Amino acid sequence: MSSPALDAALADIDTVFNGFASPDETGCGYCHAPEETEYLRTPQVPIPVDVVRYYLFEVPDHFDDHPAAMRRLLPQAARAMADGSLGSIGYGAHGLTRVDWRSWPTEQAAAIEAFLNAWWQDALTTPEPPYGIDDTFDTCATIARTVTPFLDGWDRSPVADAHLAHCTDVWLYDLLSDACPFSWWDDDSVDAGLADLRTWLAGPGAARLRAQGEPDLAIRAELLALPYDERWAHPYWDSASATN
């Protein structure tokens, strides 16, 4: 069962993006079957979820009007993201990361932002969400082009704390080496996002990890506050090697 906030956000997506289509879409004759392209040209007709999945992760140059196609897909795509019927996420660049949706009319941009926040909050309260919690964060942050609302909204509960420990463990593998843990975030906003993530993990995130009995993760997270060379010269690594 999804949360009331997520249900409301999905209902708003349904309302705001109801009736959209890409009426002049010709599709890629090599990749797209005519009946699949017809779905994009025709508003309100339910699209098979495998077609939604296919188009949602298709490259923009396979569309005559990529933003229009994303608007057409959004009601079903958002529900499939929320309930897990999309199959998987994180294996390719999500279509919303490739459009400037924040420049769309205010009610459209607000509906997308509200959905991302509600979807993230719902995942945080679910012990086993439809997708891995790190993949959900990755998708939300990459679409939003910021980590801030998802870090600021990280609830304090046993389930959310367990998700924090898992994400931190996954992210530190890359972050400690100054690499990016996000597979498909590659525009100009990624550097600011990584800086915000490192700062949060080294400060509030580490404090929360220590409070929930994760001292090793907390120490490694705190190392993110150090320059690269100092980070790897820290005595922690000597003690970690001796323990292992």
C-alpha atoms as a PDB file:
ATOM      1  CA  MET A   1       0.000   0.000   0.000  1.00  0.00           C
ATOM      2  CA  SER A   2       1.388   3.396  -0.958  1.00  0.00           C
ATOM      3  CA  SER A   3       1.211   6.404   1.321  1.00  0.00           C
ATOM      4  CA  PRO A   4      -1.578   8.998   1.084  1.00  0.00           C
ATOM      5  CA  ALA A   5       1.017  11.560  -0.040  1.00  0.00           C
ATOM      6  CA  LEU A   6       2.174   9.331  -2.896  1.00  0.00           C
ATOM      7  CA  ASP A   7      -1.423   8.560  -3.882  1.00  0.00           C
ATOM      8  CA  ALA A   8      -2.146  12.299  -3.981  1.00  0.00           C
ATOM      9  CA  ALA A   9       0.984  13.015  -6.032  1.00  0.00           C
ATOM     10  CA  LEU A  10       0.077  10.309  -8.540  1.00  0.00           C
ATOM     11  CA  ALA A  11      -3.472  11.638  -8.788  1.00  0.00           C
ATOM     12  CA  ASP A  12      -2.052  15.096  -9.486  1.00  0.00           C
ATOM     13  CA  ILE A  13       0.205  13.679 -12.227  1.00  0.00           C
ATOM     14  CA  ASP A  14      -2.875  12.013 -13.741  1.00  0.00           C
ATOM     15  CA  THR A  15      -4.785  15.294 -13.700  1.00  0.00           C
ATOM     16  CA  VAL A  16      -2.037  17.623 -14.876  1.00  0.00           C
ATOM     17  CA  PHE A  17      -0.793  15.392 -17.691  1.00  0.00           C
ATOM     18  CA  ASN A  18      -4.182  14.056 -18.763  1.00  0.00           C
ATOM     19  CA  GLY A  19      -4.774  14.292 -22.500  1.00  0.00           C
ATOM     20  CA  PHE A  20      -1.202  14.973 -23.570  1.00  0.00           C
ATOM     21  CA  ALA A  21       0.150  13.376 -26.727  1.00  0.00           C
ATOM     22  CA  SER A  22       2.790  13.849 -29.416  1.00  0.00           C
ATOM     23  CA  PRO A  23       0.440  14.062 -32.420  1.00  0.00           C
ATOM     24  CA  ASP A  24       3.141  14.400 -35.092  1.00  0.00           C
ATOM     25  CA  GLU A  25       5.345  11.603 -33.788  1.00  0.00           C
ATOM     26  CA  THR A  26       6.708   9.397 -36.565  1.00  0.00           C
ATOM     27  CA  GLY A  27       8.963   7.239 -34.394  1.00  0.00           C
ATOM     28  CA  CYS A  28      12.063   5.360 -35.420  1.00  0.00           C
ATOM     29  CA  GLY A  29      11.041   2.960 -38.170  1.00  0.00           C
ATOM     30  CA  TYR A  30      13.920   0.676 -37.283  1.00  0.00           C
ATOM     31  CA  CYS A  31      13.289   0.506 -33.513  1.00  0.00           C
ATOM     32  CA  HIS A  32       9.594   1.281 -33.078  1.00  0.00           C
ATOM     33  CA  ALA A  33       6.649  -0.707 -34.330  1.00  0.00           C
ATOM     34  CA  PRO A  34       3.891   1.448 -35.904  1.00  0.00           C
ATOM     35  CA  GLU A  35       1.410   0.453 -33.197  1.00  0.00           C
ATOM     36  CA  GLU A  36       3.859   1.570 -30.504  1.00  0.00           C
ATOM     37  CA  THR A  37       4.314   4.984 -32.100  1.00  0.00           C
ATOM     38  CA  GLU A  38       0.534   5.275 -32.384  1.00  0.00           C
ATOM     39  CA  TYR A  39       0.277   5.204 -28.587  1.00  0.00           C
ATOM     40  CA  LEU A  40       2.373   8.376 -28.412  1.00  0.00           C
ATOM     41  CA  ARG A  41       0.138  10.136 -30.933  1.00  0.00           C
ATOM     42  CA  THR A  42      -3.088   9.113 -29.186  1.00  0.00           C
ATOM     43  CA  PRO A  43      -4.000  10.657 -25.821  1.00  0.00           C
ATOM     44  CA  GLN A  44      -5.561   8.787 -22.895  1.00  0.00           C
ATOM     45  CA  VAL A  45      -5.350   5.290 -24.385  1.00  0.00           C
ATOM     46  CA  PRO A  46      -3.622   2.941 -21.880  1.00  0.00           C
ATOM     47  CA  ILE A  47      -0.093   2.027 -23.005  1.00  0.00           C
ATOM     48  CA  PRO A  48       1.247  -1.484 -22.261  1.00  0.00           C
ATOM     49  CA  VAL A  49       3.799  -1.241 -19.476  1.00  0.00           C
ATOM     50  CA  ASP A  50       6.527  -2.808 -21.598  1.00  0.00           C
ATOM     51  CA  VAL A  51       6.034  -0.033 -24.157  1.00  0.00           C
ATOM     52  CA  VAL A  52       6.096   2.591 -21.381  1.00  0.00           C
ATOM     53  CA  ARG A  53       9.368   1.111 -20.137  1.00  0.00           C
ATOM     54  CA  TYR A  54      10.840   1.004 -23.621  1.00  0.00           C
ATOM     55  CA  TYR A  55      10.019   4.615 -24.466  1.00  0.00           C
ATOM     56  CA  LEU A  56      10.871   5.982 -21.013  1.00  0.00           C
ATOM     57  CA  PHE A  57      14.510   4.962 -21.420  1.00  0.00           C
ATOM     58  CA  GLU A  58      14.800   5.556 -25.186  1.00  0.00           C
ATOM     59  CA  VAL A  59      17.335   8.105 -26.445  1.00  0.00           C
ATOM     60  CA  PRO A  60      15.831  11.523 -27.310  1.00  0.00           C
ATOM     61  CA  ASP A  61      16.836  11.500 -30.977  1.00  0.00           C
ATOM     62  CA  HIS A  62      14.451   8.600 -31.578  1.00  0.00           C
ATOM     63  CA  PHE A  63      11.530  11.005 -31.095  1.00  0.00           C
ATOM     64  CA  ASP A  64      10.267  13.920 -33.142  1.00  0.00           C
ATOM     65  CA  ASP A  65       9.275  15.649 -29.898  1.00  0.00           C
ATOM     66  CA  HIS A  66      10.905  14.027 -26.873  1.00  0.00           C
ATOM     67  CA  PRO A  67       9.359  16.362 -24.242  1.00  0.00           C
ATOM     68  CA  ALA A  68       5.877  15.720 -25.684  1.00  0.00           C
ATOM     69  CA  ALA A  69       6.481  11.978 -25.547  1.00  0.00           C
ATOM     70  CA  MET A  70       7.544  12.208 -21.895  1.00  0.00           C
ATOM     71  CA  ARG A  71       4.404  14.173 -21.038  1.00  0.00           C
ATOM     72  CA  ARG A  72       2.346  11.487 -22.787  1.00  0.00           C
ATOM     73  CA  LEU A  73       4.046   8.729 -20.792  1.00  0.00           C
ATOM     74  CA  LEU A  74       4.082  10.420 -17.403  1.00  0.00           C
ATOM     75  CA  PRO A  75       0.800   9.246 -15.846  1.00  0.00           C
ATOM     76  CA  GLN A  76       1.527   5.569 -16.469  1.00  0.00           C
ATOM     77  CA  ALA A  77       5.280   5.924 -16.016  1.00  0.00           C
ATOM     78  CA  ALA A  78       4.924   7.512 -12.572  1.00  0.00           C
ATOM     79  CA  ARG A  79       2.555   4.772 -11.402  1.00  0.00           C
ATOM     80  CA  ALA A  80       4.868   2.071 -12.721  1.00  0.00           C
ATOM     81  CA  MET A  81       7.795   3.693 -10.894  1.00  0.00           C
ATOM     82  CA  ALA A  82       5.769   3.796  -7.695  1.00  0.00           C
ATOM     83  CA  ASP A  83       4.410   0.247  -7.749  1.00  0.00           C
ATOM     84  CA  GLY A  84       7.425  -1.517  -9.259  1.00  0.00           C
ATOM     85  CA  SER A  85       5.726  -2.625 -12.457  1.00  0.00           C
ATOM     86  CA  LEU A  86       8.254  -0.716 -14.555  1.00  0.00           C
ATOM     87  CA  GLY A  87      10.468  -3.762 -14.142  1.00  0.00           C
ATOM     88  CA  SER A  88      13.700  -2.019 -13.228  1.00  0.00           C
ATOM     89  CA  ILE A  89      15.236   1.413 -12.906  1.00  0.00           C
ATOM     90  CA  GLY A  90      18.810   2.587 -13.041  1.00  0.00           C
ATOM     91  CA  TYR A  91      19.801   0.587 -16.112  1.00  0.00           C
ATOM     92  CA  GLY A  92      19.607   3.596 -18.422  1.00  0.00           C
ATOM     93  CA  ALA A  93      19.033   7.321 -18.449  1.00  0.00           C
ATOM     94  CA  HIS A  94      15.454   8.089 -17.408  1.00  0.00           C
ATOM     95  CA  GLY A  95      13.623  10.213 -19.968  1.00  0.00           C
ATOM     96  CA  LEU A  96      12.899  12.952 -17.426  1.00  0.00           C
ATOM     97  CA  THR A  97      16.640  13.462 -16.943  1.00  0.00           C
ATOM     98  CA  ARG A  98      16.873  14.399 -20.615  1.00  0.00           C
ATOM     99  CA  VAL A  99      14.204  17.089 -20.742  1.00  0.00           C
ATOM    100  CA  ASP A 100      14.161  20.495 -19.074  1.00  0.00           C
ATOM    101  CA  TRP A 101      11.002  19.758 -17.130  1.00  0.00           C
ATOM    102  CA  ARG A 102      11.617  22.609 -14.672  1.00  0.00           C
ATOM    103  CA  SER A 103      11.009  25.033 -17.558  1.00  0.00           C
ATOM    104  CA  TRP A 104       7.581  23.501 -18.241  1.00  0.00           C
ATOM    105  CA  PRO A 105       4.437  25.314 -17.014  1.00  0.00           C
ATOM    106  CA  THR A 106       4.398  25.732 -13.245  1.00  0.00           C
ATOM    107  CA  GLU A 107       1.723  23.147 -12.495  1.00  0.00           C
ATOM    108  CA  GLN A 108       3.552  20.514 -14.568  1.00  0.00           C
ATOM    109  CA  ALA A 109       6.935  21.111 -12.906  1.00  0.00           C
ATOM    110  CA  ALA A 110       5.305  21.212  -9.467  1.00  0.00           C
ATOM    111  CA  ALA A 111       3.512  17.897 -10.097  1.00  0.00           C
ATOM    112  CA  ILE A 112       6.769  16.182 -11.058  1.00  0.00           C
ATOM    113  CA  GLU A 113       8.629  17.606  -8.071  1.00  0.00           C
ATOM    114  CA  ALA A 114       5.858  16.576  -5.683  1.00  0.00           C
ATOM    115  CA  PHE A 115       5.847  13.070  -7.132  1.00  0.00           C
ATOM    116  CA  LEU A 116       9.611  12.646  -6.704  1.00  0.00           C
ATOM    117  CA  ASN A 117       9.455  13.776  -3.077  1.00  0.00           C
ATOM    118  CA  ALA A 118       6.428  11.589  -2.282  1.00  0.00           C
ATOM    119  CA  TRP A 119       7.933   8.561  -4.021  1.00  0.00           C
ATOM    120  CA  TRP A 120      11.154   8.968  -2.056  1.00  0.00           C
ATOM    121  CA  GLN A 121       9.341   9.388   1.253  1.00  0.00           C
ATOM    122  CA  ASP A 122       7.233   6.317   0.534  1.00  0.00           C
ATOM    123  CA  ALA A 123      10.344   4.249  -0.240  1.00  0.00           C
ATOM    124  CA  LEU A 124      11.998   5.434   2.981  1.00  0.00           C
ATOM    125  CA  THR A 125       9.142   4.054   5.074  1.00  0.00           C
ATOM    126  CA  THR A 126       9.038   0.710   3.250  1.00  0.00           C
ATOM    127  CA  PRO A 127      11.395  -2.033   4.485  1.00  0.00           C
ATOM    128  CA  GLU A 128      11.606  -3.589   1.017  1.00  0.00           C
ATOM    129  CA  PRO A 129      10.534  -0.993  -1.566  1.00  0.00           C
ATOM    130  CA  PRO A 130       9.873  -2.102  -5.171  1.00  0.00           C
ATOM    131  CA  TYR A 131      13.358  -0.949  -6.191  1.00  0.00           C
ATOM    132  CA  GLY A 132      16.596  -0.808  -4.223  1.00  0.00           C
ATOM    133  CA  ILE A 133      16.654   2.264  -2.026  1.00  0.00           C
ATOM    134  CA  ASP A 134      19.935   3.453  -3.569  1.00  0.00           C
ATOM    135  CA  ASP A 135      18.456   3.077  -7.071  1.00  0.00           C
ATOM    136  CA  THR A 136      15.391   5.051  -6.000  1.00  0.00           C
ATOM    137  CA  PHE A 137      17.551   7.844  -4.586  1.00  0.00           C
ATOM    138  CA  ASP A 138      19.711   7.797  -7.719  1.00  0.00           C
ATOM    139  CA  THR A 139      16.645   8.138  -9.948  1.00  0.00           C
ATOM    140  CA  CYS A 140      15.062  10.903  -7.858  1.00  0.00           C
ATOM    141  CA  ALA A 141      18.278  12.922  -7.577  1.00  0.00           C
ATOM    142  CA  THR A 142      19.179  12.504 -11.244  1.00  0.00           C
ATOM    143  CA  ILE A 143      15.747  13.636 -12.415  1.00  0.00           C
ATOM    144  CA  ALA A 144      15.646  16.514  -9.917  1.00  0.00           C
ATOM    145  CA  ARG A 145      19.333  17.393 -10.525  1.00  0.00           C
ATOM    146  CA  THR A 146      19.783  17.895  -6.801  1.00  0.00           C
ATOM    147  CA  VAL A 147      20.216  15.717  -3.720  1.00  0.00           C
ATOM    148  CA  THR A 148      19.124  18.360  -1.225  1.00  0.00           C
ATOM    149  CA  PRO A 149      15.369  17.678  -0.837  1.00  0.00           C
ATOM    150  CA  PHE A 150      15.937  13.939  -0.534  1.00  0.00           C
ATOM    151  CA  LEU A 151      18.657  14.291   2.085  1.00  0.00           C
ATOM    152  CA  ASP A 152      16.720  16.952   4.007  1.00  0.00           C
ATOM    153  CA  GLY A 153      13.642  14.719   3.916  1.00  0.00           C
ATOM    154  CA  TRP A 154      15.406  11.600   5.179  1.00  0.00           C
ATOM    155  CA  ASP A 155      13.058  10.505   7.918  1.00  0.00           C
ATOM    156  CA  ARG A 156      14.272   9.247  11.291  1.00  0.00           C
ATOM    157  CA  SER A 157      12.839   5.793  11.860  1.00  0.00           C
ATOM    158  CA  PRO A 158      14.285   2.277  12.114  1.00  0.00           C
ATOM    159  CA  VAL A 159      13.418   1.581   8.477  1.00  0.00           C
ATOM    160  CA  ALA A 160      14.809   4.891   7.202  1.00  0.00           C
ATOM    161  CA  ASP A 161      17.940   4.406   9.340  1.00  0.00           C
ATOM    162  CA  ALA A 162      18.518   0.980   7.796  1.00  0.00           C
ATOM    163  CA  HIS A 163      18.145   2.524   4.342  1.00  0.00           C
ATOM    164  CA  LEU A 164      20.681   5.201   5.300  1.00  0.00           C
ATOM    165  CA  ALA A 165      23.226   2.594   6.335  1.00  0.00           C
ATOM    166  CA  HIS A 166      22.708   0.686   3.102  1.00  0.00           C
ATOM    167  CA  CYS A 167      22.999   3.758   0.864  1.00  0.00           C
ATOM    168  CA  THR A 168      26.052   5.027   2.700  1.00  0.00           C
ATOM    169  CA  ASP A 169      27.794   1.691   2.302  1.00  0.00           C
ATOM    170  CA  VAL A 170      27.010   1.700  -1.435  1.00  0.00           C
ATOM    171  CA  TRP A 171      27.986   5.345  -2.003  1.00  0.00           C
ATOM    172  CA  LEU A 172      31.230   5.340  -0.043  1.00  0.00           C
ATOM    173  CA  TYR A 173      32.834   2.902  -2.472  1.00  0.00           C
ATOM    174  CA  ASP A 174      32.833   5.665  -5.089  1.00  0.00           C
ATOM    175  CA  LEU A 175      32.789   8.818  -2.983  1.00  0.00           C
ATOM    176  CA  LEU A 176      35.967   8.001  -1.064  1.00  0.00           C
ATOM    177  CA  SER A 177      37.750   7.773  -4.424  1.00  0.00           C
ATOM    178  CA  ASP A 178      36.175  11.016  -5.671  1.00  0.00           C
ATOM    179  CA  ALA A 179      34.062   9.058  -8.157  1.00  0.00           C
ATOM    180  CA  CYS A 180      30.352   9.506  -8.789  1.00  0.00           C
ATOM    181  CA  PRO A 181      27.953   6.861  -7.430  1.00  0.00           C
ATOM    182  CA  PHE A 182      25.179   7.976  -9.782  1.00  0.00           C
ATOM    183  CA  SER A 183      25.194   6.093 -13.074  1.00  0.00           C
ATOM    184  CA  TRP A 184      23.228   8.492 -15.275  1.00  0.00           C
ATOM    185  CA  TRP A 185      23.731  11.935 -13.754  1.00  0.00           C
ATOM    186  CA  ASP A 186      26.170  13.599 -16.111  1.00  0.00           C
ATOM    187  CA  ASP A 187      25.080  17.190 -16.681  1.00  0.00           C
ATOM    188  CA  ASP A 188      26.554  20.374 -15.224  1.00  0.00           C
ATOM    189  CA  SER A 189      24.637  20.002 -11.957  1.00  0.00           C
ATOM    190  CA  VAL A 190      26.331  16.767 -10.873  1.00  0.00           C
ATOM    191  CA  ASP A 191      29.379  18.415  -9.264  1.00  0.00           C
ATOM    192  CA  ALA A 192      27.177  20.481  -6.949  1.00  0.00           C
ATOM    193  CA  GLY A 193      25.122  17.394  -6.151  1.00  0.00           C
ATOM    194  CA  LEU A 194      28.201  15.363  -5.232  1.00  0.00           C
ATOM    195  CA  ALA A 195      29.555  18.199  -3.068  1.00  0.00           C
ATOM    196  CA  ASP A 196      26.238  18.420  -1.218  1.00  0.00           C
ATOM    197  CA  LEU A 197      26.149  14.645  -0.722  1.00  0.00           C
ATOM    198  CA  ARG A 198      29.719  14.517   0.637  1.00  0.00           C
ATOM    199  CA  THR A 199      29.032  17.418   3.018  1.00  0.00           C
ATOM    200  CA  TRP A 200      25.834  15.847   4.326  1.00  0.00           C
ATOM    201  CA  LEU A 201      27.329  12.383   4.766  1.00  0.00           C
ATOM    202  CA  ALA A 202      30.415  13.738   6.555  1.00  0.00           C
ATOM    203  CA  GLY A 203      28.229  15.765   8.931  1.00  0.00           C
ATOM    204  CA  PRO A 204      24.574  14.971   9.704  1.00  0.00           C
ATOM    205  CA  GLY A 205      24.718  11.596   7.983  1.00  0.00           C
ATOM    206  CA  ALA A 206      27.740  10.412   9.966  1.00  0.00           C
ATOM    207  CA  ALA A 207      26.169  11.606  13.233  1.00  0.00           C
ATOM    208  CA  ARG A 208      23.034   9.603  12.503  1.00  0.00           C
ATOM    209  CA  LEU A 209      25.028   6.513  11.583  1.00  0.00           C
ATOM    210  CA  ARG A 210      26.992   6.675  14.815  1.00  0.00           C
ATOM    211  CA  ALA A 211      23.790   7.143  16.814  1.00  0.00           C
ATOM    212  CA  GLN A 212      22.279   4.020  15.255  1.00  0.00           C
ATOM    213  CA  GLY A 213      25.301   1.864  16.066  1.00  0.00           C
ATOM    214  CA  GLU A 214      27.206   2.076  12.779  1.00  0.00           C
ATOM    215  CA  PRO A 215      30.574   3.520  13.906  1.00  0.00           C
ATOM    216  CA  ASP A 216      32.603   2.120  11.015  1.00  0.00           C
ATOM    217  CA  LEU A 217      30.298   3.622   8.408  1.00  0.00           C
ATOM    218  CA  ALA A 218      30.276   6.882  10.379  1.00  0.00           C
ATOM    219  CA  ILE A 219      34.070   7.118  10.433  1.00  0.00           C
ATOM    220  CA  ARG A 220      34.367   6.427   6.713  1.00  0.00           C
ATOM    221  CA  ALA A 221      31.655   8.992   5.998  1.00  0.00           C
ATOM    222  CA  GLU A 222      33.512  11.589   8.066  1.00  0.00           C
ATOM    223  CA  LEU A 223      36.623  11.004   5.956  1.00  0.00           C
ATOM    224  CA  LEU A 224      34.776  12.633   3.055  1.00  0.00           C
ATOM    225  CA  ALA A 225      35.396  15.992   4.723  1.00  0.00           C
ATOM    226  CA  LEU A 226      39.156  15.572   4.189  1.00  0.00           C
ATOM    227  CA  PRO A 227      41.140  16.267   1.013  1.00  0.00           C
ATOM    228  CA  TYR A 228      41.794  13.157  -1.044  1.00  0.00           C
ATOM    229  CA  ASP A 229      45.389  12.502   0.105  1.00  0.00           C
ATOM    230  CA  GLU A 230      44.603  13.122   3.786  1.00  0.00           C
ATOM    231  CA  ARG A 231      41.566  10.891   3.505  1.00  0.00           C
ATOM    232  CA  TRP A 232      43.628   7.890   2.425  1.00  0.00           C
ATOM    233  CA  ALA A 233      46.483   8.646   4.840  1.00  0.00           C
ATOM    234  CA  HIS A 234      44.114   8.628   7.816  1.00  0.00           C
ATOM    235  CA  PRO A 235      44.975   6.185  10.650  1.00  0.00           C
ATOM    236  CA  TYR A 236      41.543   4.577  10.181  1.00  0.00           C
ATOM    237  CA  TRP A 237      42.895   2.521   7.308  1.00  0.00           C
ATOM    238  CA  ASP A 238      45.702   1.081   9.440  1.00  0.00           C
ATOM    239  CA  SER A 239      43.269   0.003  12.111  1.00  0.00           C
ATOM    240  CA  ALA A 240      40.859  -1.383   9.500  1.00  0.00           C
ATOM    241  CA  SER A 241      43.658  -3.450   7.956  1.00  0.00           C
ATOM    242  CA  ALA A 242      44.708  -4.767  11.361  1.00  0.00           C
ATOM    243  CA  THR A 243      41.109  -5.756  12.126  1.00  0.00           C
ATOM    244  CA  ASN A 244      40.793  -7.623   8.856  1.00  0.00           C
END
